[in-house]
Amino acid sequence: MHTTCSDSVGPAQDHATIDLEELLGDGEAQLVYEGLYRLREAKVEALGIVRAAGLSPHDRPFEPWDFGVPKIDQLLARLGADPVEASPVTPEC
């Protein structure tokens, strides 16, 4: 199963925003945010690499959901993190 663009808009549906700073403290929450942003960045970069190499699963191009990018965006939104700027390899929905 994969995620469509409509599944990745805004915070995860039916889930309240989590105050990570309250749970972990400011310093540890910042580390979690940084880790998620870096993970997203690495996955977007990998997506660009496989697309540039012409690799594709089952005769279709790789999409952001193949690398979990929309799920990371949903988690960041649920945690109340700043939105991620659109990337050239992730489609605008």
N, C-alpha and C. Protein backbone atom coordinates (compact mmCIF):
# COMPACT_ATOMS: atom_id res chain seq x y z
N MET A 1 0.84 -1.18 0.00
CA MET A 1 0.00 0.00 0.00
C MET A 1 0.88 1.24 0.00
N HIS A 2 0.47 2.24 -0.73
CA HIS A 2 1.25 3.48 -0.76
C HIS A 2 0.35 4.66 -0.43
N THR A 3 0.99 5.78 -0.13
CA THR A 3 0.28 7.00 0.25
C THR A 3 0.12 7.87 -0.98
N THR A 4 -1.05 8.47 -1.12
CA THR A 4 -1.26 9.41 -2.21
C THR A 4 -1.03 10.81 -1.70
N CYS A 5 -0.98 11.76 -2.62
CA CYS A 5 -0.76 13.15 -2.22
C CYS A 5 -1.83 13.62 -1.26
N SER A 6 -3.07 13.22 -1.48
CA SER A 6 -4.14 13.68 -0.59
C SER A 6 -3.98 13.12 0.81
N ASP A 7 -3.29 11.98 0.95
CA ASP A 7 -3.06 11.41 2.28
C ASP A 7 -2.00 12.17 3.05
N SER A 8 -1.18 12.95 2.36
CA SER A 8 -0.03 13.56 3.03
C SER A 8 -0.21 15.05 3.32
N VAL A 9 -1.39 15.59 3.10
CA VAL A 9 -1.61 17.01 3.31
C VAL A 9 -1.94 17.26 4.78
N GLY A 10 -1.17 18.15 5.41
CA GLY A 10 -1.45 18.55 6.79
C GLY A 10 -1.13 17.46 7.79
N PRO A 11 -1.48 17.73 9.07
CA PRO A 11 -1.22 16.76 10.11
C PRO A 11 -2.02 15.48 9.86
N ALA A 12 -1.51 14.40 10.40
CA ALA A 12 -2.19 13.12 10.24
C ALA A 12 -3.62 13.24 10.76
N GLN A 13 -4.55 12.78 9.95
CA GLN A 13 -5.94 12.87 10.33
C GLN A 13 -6.20 12.02 11.56
N ASP A 14 -7.16 12.45 12.37
CA ASP A 14 -7.58 11.73 13.58
C ASP A 14 -6.48 11.64 14.64
N HIS A 15 -5.45 12.45 14.56
CA HIS A 15 -4.39 12.45 15.56
C HIS A 15 -4.19 13.88 16.05
N ALA A 16 -4.17 14.04 17.34
CA ALA A 16 -3.92 15.36 17.92
C ALA A 16 -2.43 15.70 17.77
N THR A 17 -2.15 16.99 17.71
CA THR A 17 -0.76 17.44 17.67
C THR A 17 -0.09 17.08 18.98
N ILE A 18 1.13 16.61 18.90
CA ILE A 18 1.89 16.21 20.08
C ILE A 18 2.86 17.33 20.44
N ASP A 19 2.88 17.72 21.70
CA ASP A 19 3.83 18.73 22.16
C ASP A 19 5.10 18.01 22.60
N LEU A 20 6.01 17.87 21.65
CA LEU A 20 7.23 17.12 21.90
C LEU A 20 8.11 17.79 22.96
N GLU A 21 8.11 19.13 22.96
CA GLU A 21 8.90 19.84 23.96
C GLU A 21 8.42 19.53 25.37
N GLU A 22 7.11 19.40 25.53
CA GLU A 22 6.55 19.07 26.84
C GLU A 22 6.93 17.65 27.27
N LEU A 23 6.96 16.75 26.30
CA LEU A 23 7.29 15.36 26.60
C LEU A 23 8.77 15.15 26.89
N LEU A 24 9.63 15.80 26.09
CA LEU A 24 11.06 15.52 26.17
C LEU A 24 11.92 16.66 26.69
N GLY A 25 11.40 17.86 26.63
CA GLY A 25 12.22 19.03 26.92
C GLY A 25 12.72 19.62 25.61
N ASP A 26 13.07 20.88 25.65
CA ASP A 26 13.45 21.60 24.43
C ASP A 26 14.64 20.99 23.70
N GLY A 27 15.69 20.67 24.43
CA GLY A 27 16.91 20.17 23.81
C GLY A 27 16.71 18.83 23.12
N GLU A 28 16.06 17.90 23.79
CA GLU A 28 15.84 16.58 23.19
C GLU A 28 14.82 16.64 22.06
N ALA A 29 13.81 17.49 22.20
CA ALA A 29 12.83 17.65 21.12
C ALA A 29 13.53 18.19 19.88
N GLN A 30 14.43 19.13 20.04
CA GLN A 30 15.16 19.69 18.90
C GLN A 30 15.98 18.61 18.20
N LEU A 31 16.55 17.69 18.95
CA LEU A 31 17.31 16.58 18.35
C LEU A 31 16.39 15.68 17.52
N VAL A 32 15.18 15.42 18.02
CA VAL A 32 14.22 14.60 17.28
C VAL A 32 13.84 15.30 15.97
N TYR A 33 13.53 16.60 16.06
CA TYR A 33 13.18 17.35 14.85
C TYR A 33 14.33 17.31 13.84
N GLU A 34 15.53 17.57 14.31
CA GLU A 34 16.69 17.57 13.44
C GLU A 34 16.88 16.21 12.77
N GLY A 35 16.70 15.14 13.54
CA GLY A 35 16.82 13.80 12.99
C GLY A 35 15.79 13.52 11.91
N LEU A 36 14.55 13.95 12.14
CA LEU A 36 13.50 13.74 11.15
C LEU A 36 13.75 14.56 9.89
N TYR A 37 14.18 15.82 10.06
CA TYR A 37 14.48 16.64 8.89
C TYR A 37 15.63 16.04 8.08
N ARG A 38 16.66 15.54 8.76
CA ARG A 38 17.80 14.94 8.06
C ARG A 38 17.41 13.63 7.37
N LEU A 39 16.56 12.83 8.03
CA LEU A 39 16.07 11.60 7.43
C LEU A 39 15.29 11.92 6.16
N ARG A 40 14.43 12.93 6.23
CA ARG A 40 13.65 13.34 5.07
C ARG A 40 14.57 13.80 3.95
N GLU A 41 15.56 14.61 4.30
CA GLU A 41 16.50 15.11 3.31
C GLU A 41 17.24 13.96 2.63
N ALA A 42 17.68 12.97 3.40
CA ALA A 42 18.40 11.82 2.84
C ALA A 42 17.50 11.01 1.91
N LYS A 43 16.24 10.85 2.29
CA LYS A 43 15.31 10.09 1.46
C LYS A 43 14.96 10.83 0.18
N VAL A 44 14.80 12.14 0.25
CA VAL A 44 14.54 12.93 -0.96
C VAL A 44 15.76 12.87 -1.88
N GLU A 45 16.95 12.93 -1.31
CA GLU A 45 18.17 12.83 -2.12
C GLU A 45 18.25 11.45 -2.78
N ALA A 46 17.95 10.39 -2.04
CA ALA A 46 17.98 9.04 -2.61
C ALA A 46 16.95 8.90 -3.72
N LEU A 47 15.78 9.49 -3.54
CA LEU A 47 14.75 9.47 -4.57
C LEU A 47 15.26 10.14 -5.85
N GLY A 48 15.92 11.26 -5.70
CA GLY A 48 16.48 11.95 -6.86
C GLY A 48 17.54 11.12 -7.56
N ILE A 49 18.34 10.40 -6.79
CA ILE A 49 19.41 9.57 -7.36
C ILE A 49 18.82 8.41 -8.17
N VAL A 50 17.82 7.71 -7.60
CA VAL A 50 17.26 6.57 -8.34
C VAL A 50 16.48 7.04 -9.57
N ARG A 51 15.85 8.21 -9.46
CA ARG A 51 15.16 8.75 -10.64
C ARG A 51 16.17 9.12 -11.73
N ALA A 52 17.28 9.76 -11.34
CA ALA A 52 18.30 10.17 -12.31
C ALA A 52 18.96 8.95 -12.96
N ALA A 53 19.05 7.86 -12.21
CA ALA A 53 19.65 6.64 -12.75
C ALA A 53 18.67 5.87 -13.63
N GLY A 54 17.43 6.31 -13.67
CA GLY A 54 16.44 5.65 -14.50
C GLY A 54 15.89 4.36 -13.92
N LEU A 55 16.11 4.15 -12.62
CA LEU A 55 15.59 2.95 -11.97
C LEU A 55 14.11 3.11 -11.71
N SER A 56 13.37 2.01 -11.78
CA SER A 56 11.94 2.08 -11.51
C SER A 56 11.43 0.72 -11.06
N PRO A 57 10.51 0.73 -10.10
CA PRO A 57 9.91 -0.53 -9.66
C PRO A 57 8.68 -0.85 -10.51
N HIS A 58 8.62 -2.03 -11.03
CA HIS A 58 7.42 -2.50 -11.73
C HIS A 58 6.96 -1.55 -12.83
N ASP A 59 7.88 -1.07 -13.63
CA ASP A 59 7.57 -0.21 -14.79
C ASP A 59 6.85 1.08 -14.45
N ARG A 60 7.15 1.67 -13.34
CA ARG A 60 6.62 2.98 -12.96
C ARG A 60 7.75 3.75 -12.29
N PRO A 61 7.72 5.06 -12.35
CA PRO A 61 8.78 5.83 -11.68
C PRO A 61 8.65 5.75 -10.15
N PHE A 62 9.77 5.85 -9.48
CA PHE A 62 9.73 5.94 -8.03
C PHE A 62 9.00 7.21 -7.63
N GLU A 63 8.25 7.15 -6.57
CA GLU A 63 7.50 8.28 -6.04
C GLU A 63 7.92 8.54 -4.60
N PRO A 64 7.63 9.74 -4.07
CA PRO A 64 8.02 10.05 -2.69
C PRO A 64 7.52 9.03 -1.66
N TRP A 65 6.32 8.46 -1.88
CA TRP A 65 5.82 7.49 -0.90
C TRP A 65 6.64 6.21 -0.88
N ASP A 66 7.35 5.90 -1.97
CA ASP A 66 8.22 4.73 -1.98
C ASP A 66 9.34 4.88 -0.96
N PHE A 67 9.66 6.10 -0.61
CA PHE A 67 10.73 6.39 0.34
C PHE A 67 10.20 6.90 1.67
N GLY A 68 8.88 6.92 1.85
CA GLY A 68 8.29 7.33 3.12
C GLY A 68 8.28 8.83 3.37
N VAL A 69 8.52 9.63 2.34
CA VAL A 69 8.59 11.08 2.52
C VAL A 69 7.27 11.66 3.04
N PRO A 70 6.11 11.30 2.48
CA PRO A 70 4.86 11.85 3.01
C PRO A 70 4.60 11.48 4.47
N LYS A 71 5.01 10.29 4.87
CA LYS A 71 4.83 9.87 6.27
C LYS A 71 5.71 10.71 7.21
N ILE A 72 6.91 11.02 6.78
CA ILE A 72 7.78 11.88 7.59
C ILE A 72 7.16 13.27 7.69
N ASP A 73 6.63 13.78 6.57
CA ASP A 73 5.95 15.09 6.59
C ASP A 73 4.77 15.07 7.56
N GLN A 74 3.98 14.00 7.54
CA GLN A 74 2.84 13.88 8.45
C GLN A 74 3.30 13.88 9.90
N LEU A 75 4.35 13.14 10.19
CA LEU A 75 4.85 13.08 11.55
C LEU A 75 5.36 14.44 12.00
N LEU A 76 6.11 15.13 11.15
CA LEU A 76 6.60 16.46 11.50
C LEU A 76 5.43 17.41 11.76
N ALA A 77 4.39 17.34 10.93
CA ALA A 77 3.21 18.19 11.14
C ALA A 77 2.52 17.84 12.45
N ARG A 78 2.41 16.56 12.74
CA ARG A 78 1.77 16.13 13.99
C ARG A 78 2.56 16.59 15.21
N LEU A 79 3.86 16.69 15.06
CA LEU A 79 4.71 17.14 16.16
C LEU A 79 4.77 18.66 16.25
N GLY A 80 4.11 19.34 15.31
CA GLY A 80 4.08 20.79 15.33
C GLY A 80 5.35 21.44 14.80
N ALA A 81 6.14 20.69 14.05
CA ALA A 81 7.39 21.22 13.49
C ALA A 81 7.09 22.18 12.35
N ASP A 82 8.05 23.02 12.02
CA ASP A 82 7.92 23.92 10.88
C ASP A 82 7.75 23.09 9.62
N PRO A 83 6.92 23.55 8.67
CA PRO A 83 6.74 22.79 7.43
C PRO A 83 8.02 22.72 6.63
N VAL A 84 8.15 21.65 5.87
CA VAL A 84 9.31 21.45 5.01
C VAL A 84 9.05 22.15 3.69
N GLU A 85 10.05 22.86 3.17
CA GLU A 85 9.92 23.49 1.87
C GLU A 85 9.81 22.42 0.81
N ALA A 86 9.05 22.72 -0.23
CA ALA A 86 8.85 21.77 -1.33
C ALA A 86 10.20 21.47 -1.97
N SER A 87 10.39 20.23 -2.32
CA SER A 87 11.61 19.78 -2.97
C SER A 87 11.35 19.58 -4.45
N PRO A 88 12.36 19.73 -5.30
CA PRO A 88 12.14 19.54 -6.73
C PRO A 88 11.70 18.12 -7.08
N VAL A 89 11.99 17.12 -6.23
CA VAL A 89 11.60 15.74 -6.56
C VAL A 89 10.29 15.34 -5.90
N THR A 90 9.76 16.15 -5.00
CA THR A 90 8.48 15.81 -4.39
C THR A 90 7.41 16.65 -5.04
N PRO A 91 6.35 16.00 -5.54
CA PRO A 91 5.33 16.75 -6.28
C PRO A 91 4.51 17.65 -5.37
N GLU A 92 4.11 18.77 -5.94
CA GLU A 92 3.16 19.65 -5.25
C GLU A 92 1.79 19.03 -5.45
N CYS A 93 1.03 18.93 -4.42
CA CYS A 93 -0.30 18.32 -4.51
C CYS A 93 -1.37 19.40 -4.54
